[in-house]
C-alpha atoms as a PDB file:
ATOM      1  CA  MET A   1      19.812 -14.622   9.890  1.00  0.00           C
ATOM      2  CA  LYS A   2      18.541 -16.333   6.724  1.00  0.00           C
ATOM      3  CA  GLN A   3      16.014 -18.310   8.785  1.00  0.00           C
ATOM      4  CA  LEU A   4      14.796 -15.101  10.436  1.00  0.00           C
ATOM      5  CA  ILE A   5      14.144 -13.552   7.041  1.00  0.00           C
ATOM      6  CA  TRP A   6      11.848 -16.402   5.977  1.00  0.00           C
ATOM      7  CA  LYS A   7      10.229 -17.021   9.357  1.00  0.00           C
ATOM      8  CA  LEU A   8       9.825 -13.471  10.655  1.00  0.00           C
ATOM      9  CA  VAL A   9      10.758 -10.645   8.289  1.00  0.00           C
ATOM     10  CA  MET A  10       8.799 -11.752   5.192  1.00  0.00           C
ATOM     11  CA  PRO A  11       5.489 -12.446   6.990  1.00  0.00           C
ATOM     12  CA  VAL A  12       5.696  -9.226   9.028  1.00  0.00           C
ATOM     13  CA  THR A  13       6.542  -7.287   5.860  1.00  0.00           C
ATOM     14  CA  ILE A  14       3.465  -8.558   4.019  1.00  0.00           C
ATOM     15  CA  ILE A  15       1.212  -8.090   7.060  1.00  0.00           C
ATOM     16  CA  SER A  16       2.340  -4.486   7.590  1.00  0.00           C
ATOM     17  CA  PHE A  17       2.204  -3.761   3.843  1.00  0.00           C
ATOM     18  CA  THR A  18      -1.393  -4.992   3.796  1.00  0.00           C
ATOM     19  CA  VAL A  19      -2.590  -3.307   6.982  1.00  0.00           C
ATOM     20  CA  PHE A  20      -0.801   0.075   7.041  1.00  0.00           C
ATOM     21  CA  THR A  21      -0.800   2.458   4.100  1.00  0.00           C
ATOM     22  CA  LYS A  22      -1.001   6.092   3.124  1.00  0.00           C
ATOM     23  CA  SER A  23      -3.862   7.519   1.109  1.00  0.00           C
ATOM     24  CA  TRP A  24      -3.317  10.356  -1.308  1.00  0.00           C
ATOM     25  CA  TYR A  25      -6.194  12.485  -2.575  1.00  0.00           C
ATOM     26  CA  VAL A  26      -4.880  13.878  -5.854  1.00  0.00           C
ATOM     27  CA  LEU A  27      -5.975  15.890  -8.845  1.00  0.00           C
ATOM     28  CA  PRO A  28      -4.243  14.402 -11.892  1.00  0.00           C
ATOM     29  CA  ILE A  29      -3.678  16.628 -14.889  1.00  0.00           C
ATOM     30  CA  ASP A  30      -6.531  16.037 -17.392  1.00  0.00           C
ATOM     31  CA  ALA A  31      -8.266  13.422 -15.217  1.00  0.00           C
ATOM     32  CA  PRO A  32     -10.853  13.323 -12.419  1.00  0.00           C
ATOM     33  CA  GLU A  33      -9.864  13.639  -8.761  1.00  0.00           C
ATOM     34  CA  SER A  34      -8.685  10.300  -7.483  1.00  0.00           C
ATOM     35  CA  THR A  35      -7.587   8.502  -4.373  1.00  0.00           C
ATOM     36  CA  MET A  36      -4.228   6.761  -4.534  1.00  0.00           C
ATOM     37  CA  ILE A  37      -2.690   4.399  -2.005  1.00  0.00           C
ATOM     38  CA  GLY A  38       0.848   3.518  -1.100  1.00  0.00           C
ATOM     39  CA  PHE A  39       3.607   4.401   1.317  1.00  0.00           C
ATOM     40  CA  PRO A  40       6.093   6.006   0.705  1.00  0.00           C
ATOM     41  CA  PHE A  41       5.116   6.178  -2.998  1.00  0.00           C
ATOM     42  CA  PRO A  42       1.570   5.933  -4.381  1.00  0.00           C
ATOM     43  CA  TYR A  43       1.425   2.639  -6.288  1.00  0.00           C
ATOM     44  CA  ALA A  44      -2.295   2.230  -7.043  1.00  0.00           C
ATOM     45  CA  CYS A  45      -5.005   4.555  -8.271  1.00  0.00           C
ATOM     46  CA  GLU A  46      -8.643   4.238  -9.210  1.00  0.00           C
ATOM     47  CA  GLY A  47      -9.185   3.174 -12.798  1.00  0.00           C
ATOM     48  CA  TRP A  48     -10.720   5.887 -14.923  1.00  0.00           C
ATOM     49  CA  HIS A  49     -11.975   3.644 -17.703  1.00  0.00           C
ATOM     50  CA  THR A  50     -14.455   1.578 -15.670  1.00  0.00           C
ATOM     51  CA  SER A  51     -15.665   1.240 -12.100  1.00  0.00           C
ATOM     52  CA  LEU A  52     -14.064  -1.228  -9.678  1.00  0.00           C
ATOM     53  CA  SER A  53     -10.796  -1.141 -11.568  1.00  0.00           C
ATOM     54  CA  LEU A  54      -7.350   0.000 -10.539  1.00  0.00           C
ATOM     55  CA  GLN A  55      -4.266   1.425 -12.156  1.00  0.00           C
ATOM     56  CA  ILE A  56      -1.247  -0.282 -10.610  1.00  0.00           C
ATOM     57  CA  PHE A  57       2.282   1.058 -11.071  1.00  0.00           C
ATOM     58  CA  ALA A  58       4.909  -1.695 -10.818  1.00  0.00           C
ATOM     59  CA  ILE A  59       8.039   0.305  -9.953  1.00  0.00           C
ATOM     60  CA  GLU A  60       6.319   2.220  -7.155  1.00  0.00           C
ATOM     61  CA  PHE A  61       4.761  -1.009  -5.858  1.00  0.00           C
ATOM     62  CA  LEU A  62       8.134  -2.788  -5.743  1.00  0.00           C
ATOM     63  CA  CYS A  63       9.825   0.224  -4.121  1.00  0.00           C
ATOM     64  CA  ASP A  64       7.130   0.333  -1.434  1.00  0.00           C
ATOM     65  CA  LEU A  65       7.427  -3.395  -0.785  1.00  0.00           C
ATOM     66  CA  LEU A  66      11.225  -3.102  -0.638  1.00  0.00           C
ATOM     67  CA  THR A  67      10.921  -0.189   1.815  1.00  0.00           C
ATOM     68  CA  TYR A  68       8.743  -2.236   4.171  1.00  0.00           C
ATOM     69  CA  PHE A  69      11.091  -5.229   3.840  1.00  0.00           C
ATOM     70  CA  LEU A  70      14.224  -3.193   4.558  1.00  0.00           C
ATOM     71  CA  PHE A  71      12.570  -1.528   7.550  1.00  0.00           C
ATOM     72  CA  TRP A  72      11.644  -4.861   9.150  1.00  0.00           C
ATOM     73  CA  LEU A  73      14.985  -6.387   8.192  1.00  0.00           C
ATOM     74  CA  GLY A  74      16.757  -3.503   9.937  1.00  0.00           C
ATOM     75  CA  VAL A  75      14.608  -3.827  13.054  1.00  0.00           C
ATOM     76  CA  VAL A  76      15.165  -7.589  13.268  1.00  0.00           C
ATOM     77  CA  TYR A  77      18.899  -7.226  12.532  1.00  0.00           C
ATOM     78  CA  VAL A  78      19.419  -4.613  15.264  1.00  0.00           C
ATOM     79  CA  ILE A  79      17.467  -6.634  17.826  1.00  0.00           C
ATOM     80  CA  HIS A  80      19.103  -9.924  16.835  1.00  0.00           C
ATOM     81  CA  HIS A  81      22.695  -8.662  16.866  1.00  0.00           C
ATOM     82  CA  TRP A  82      22.745  -5.994  19.578  1.00  0.00           C
ATOM     83  CA  VAL A  83      19.841  -6.604  21.954  1.00  0.00           C
ATOM     84  CA  GLN A  84      19.015 -10.303  22.168  1.00  0.00           C
ATOM     85  CA  LYS A  85      19.238 -13.297  19.847  1.00  0.00           C
ATOM     86  CA  ILE A  86      15.845 -13.955  18.280  1.00  0.00           C
ATOM     87  CA  ILE A  87      14.616 -17.531  18.247  1.00  0.00           C
ATOM     88  CA  VAL A  88      11.253 -17.826  16.515  1.00  0.00           C
ATOM     89  CA  PRO A  89       9.155 -20.722  17.840  1.00  0.00           C
ATOM     90  CA  LYS A  90       7.327 -22.859  15.292  1.00  0.00           C
ATOM     91  CA  GLN A  91       3.933 -21.746  16.651  1.00  0.00           C
ATOM     92  CA  VAL A  92       4.774 -18.074  16.054  1.00  0.00           C
ATOM     93  CA  THR A  93       5.856 -18.840  12.497  1.00  0.00           C
ATOM     94  CA  ILE A  94       2.593 -20.691  11.828  1.00  0.00           C
ATOM     95  CA  ILE A  95       0.525 -17.843  13.298  1.00  0.00           C
ATOM     96  CA  LEU A  96       2.377 -15.252  11.200  1.00  0.00           C
ATOM     97  CA  ILE A  97       1.883 -17.280   8.029  1.00  0.00           C
ATOM     98  CA  VAL A  98      -1.833 -17.775   8.766  1.00  0.00           C
ATOM     99  CA  VAL A  99      -2.271 -14.034   9.398  1.00  0.00           C
ATOM    100  CA  MET A 100      -0.252 -13.227   6.255  1.00  0.00           C
ATOM    101  CA  MET A 101      -2.284 -15.440   3.911  1.00  0.00           C
ATOM    102  CA  PRO A 102      -5.424 -13.221   3.622  1.00  0.00           C
ATOM    103  CA  GLY A 103      -3.169 -10.394   2.407  1.00  0.00           C
ATOM    104  CA  VAL A 104      -1.512 -12.627  -0.179  1.00  0.00           C
ATOM    105  CA  ILE A 105      -4.877 -13.996  -1.327  1.00  0.00           C
ATOM    106  CA  GLY A 106      -6.280 -10.441  -1.494  1.00  0.00           C
ATOM    107  CA  PHE A 107      -3.345  -9.308  -3.633  1.00  0.00           C
ATOM    108  CA  ALA A 108      -3.930 -12.320  -5.912  1.00  0.00           C
ATOM    109  CA  PHE A 109      -7.623 -11.440  -6.350  1.00  0.00           C
ATOM    110  CA  VAL A 110      -6.809  -7.814  -7.131  1.00  0.00           C
ATOM    111  CA  ALA A 111      -4.091  -8.841  -9.581  1.00  0.00           C
ATOM    112  CA  ASN A 112      -6.488 -11.246 -11.293  1.00  0.00           C
ATOM    113  CA  ASN A 113      -9.037  -8.530 -12.174  1.00  0.00           C
ATOM    114  CA  PRO A 114      -8.941  -8.207 -15.991  1.00  0.00           C
ATOM    115  CA  ASP A 115     -10.105  -4.560 -15.811  1.00  0.00           C
ATOM    116  CA  ASN A 116      -6.992  -3.410 -13.965  1.00  0.00           C
ATOM    117  CA  ILE A 117      -4.338  -1.477 -15.847  1.00  0.00           C
ATOM    118  CA  TYR A 118      -0.712  -2.344 -15.095  1.00  0.00           C
ATOM    119  CA  THR A 119       2.011   0.086 -16.058  1.00  0.00           C
ATOM    120  CA  LEU A 120       5.698   0.201 -15.271  1.00  0.00           C
ATOM    121  CA  LYS A 121       5.450   3.672 -13.696  1.00  0.00           C
ATOM    122  CA  ARG A 122       2.878   6.417 -13.291  1.00  0.00           C
ATOM    123  CA  ASN A 123       2.432   8.220 -16.593  1.00  0.00           C
ATOM    124  CA  PHE A 124       0.613  11.352 -15.428  1.00  0.00           C
ATOM    125  CA  GLU A 125       1.369  14.423 -13.363  1.00  0.00           C
ATOM    126  CA  MET A 126      -0.765  15.230 -10.343  1.00  0.00           C
ATOM    127  CA  ASN A 127      -1.431  17.846  -7.712  1.00  0.00           C
ATOM    128  CA  ILE A 128      -1.721  16.458  -4.180  1.00  0.00           C
ATOM    129  CA  LEU A 129      -4.794  17.856  -2.442  1.00  0.00           C
ATOM    130  CA  SER A 130      -4.435  15.971   0.859  1.00  0.00           C
ATOM    131  CA  THR A 131      -2.790  12.917   2.357  1.00  0.00           C
ATOM    132  CA  GLY A 132      -3.291  10.767   5.399  1.00  0.00           C
ATOM    133  CA  TYR A 133      -2.190   7.515   6.954  1.00  0.00           C
ATOM    134  CA  LYS A 134      -4.731   4.795   7.485  1.00  0.00           C
ATOM    135  CA  LEU A 135      -5.188   1.213   8.455  1.00  0.00           C
ATOM    136  CA  ILE A 136      -6.895  -1.133   6.015  1.00  0.00           C
ATOM    137  CA  TRP A 137     -10.219  -1.128   7.875  1.00  0.00           C
ATOM    138  CA  GLN A 138     -10.484   2.667   8.146  1.00  0.00           C
ATOM    139  CA  GLU A 139     -12.655   4.608   5.745  1.00  0.00           C
ATOM    140  CA  ASN A 140     -11.192   7.082   3.285  1.00  0.00           C
ATOM    141  CA  LYS A 141     -12.298  10.535   4.403  1.00  0.00           C
ATOM    142  CA  HIS A 142     -10.844  12.479   1.505  1.00  0.00           C
ATOM    143  CA  ARG A 143     -13.971  12.437  -0.656  1.00  0.00           C
ATOM    144  CA  LYS A 144     -16.150  13.786   2.159  1.00  0.00           C
ATOM    145  CA  GLU A 145     -13.718  16.632   2.823  1.00  0.00           C
ATOM    146  CA  SER A 146     -13.172  17.576  -0.804  1.00  0.00           C
ATOM    147  CA  VAL A 147     -13.999  21.018  -2.041  1.00  0.00           C
ATOM    148  CA  VAL A 148     -17.278  21.394  -3.889  1.00  0.00           C
ATOM    149  CA  TYR A 149     -16.889  23.631  -6.904  1.00  0.00           C
ATOM    150  CA  ARG A 150     -19.903  25.825  -7.554  1.00  0.00           C
ATOM    151  CA  ARG A 151     -20.724  28.394 -10.152  1.00  0.00           C
ATOM    152  CA  PRO A 152     -20.509  31.951  -8.900  1.00  0.00           C
ATOM    153  CA  ASN A 153     -23.851  33.698  -8.465  1.00  0.00           C
ATOM    154  CA  LYS A 154     -24.621  36.198 -11.184  1.00  0.00           C
ATOM    155  CA  PRO A 155     -26.014  39.529 -10.002  1.00  0.00           C
END
């Protein structure tokens, strides 16, 4: 089972963590409306201090990554022990690692941005306006659907 973790579970965990996520359109208390990402917990938010920056919350990030890992570990364990023994060919392992690498490199580039803010956990309260699941290549539709606040007309 240890070999399956390194050859199958870890690459599939990182691939699914990179490709599938949940977007949260939130209204933080005393901050502008923001889009957060993460499933099942939001672990990253737009940075409010400068453009193209992020606020990344470490505990939520690790809990999300652990959730994905435990899900795939459970799936592989059930299949391996009760359905059919899994033997991962070397070619499949190489393909999974090659597909996984852009996600790892992307995480490294994001982590290397000096404008990002890293905190242990989210330090603000928020009201959730809408949520939705998305794949990495899909556009965020929350901003287009947001409510436009206008001044009432005076008679």
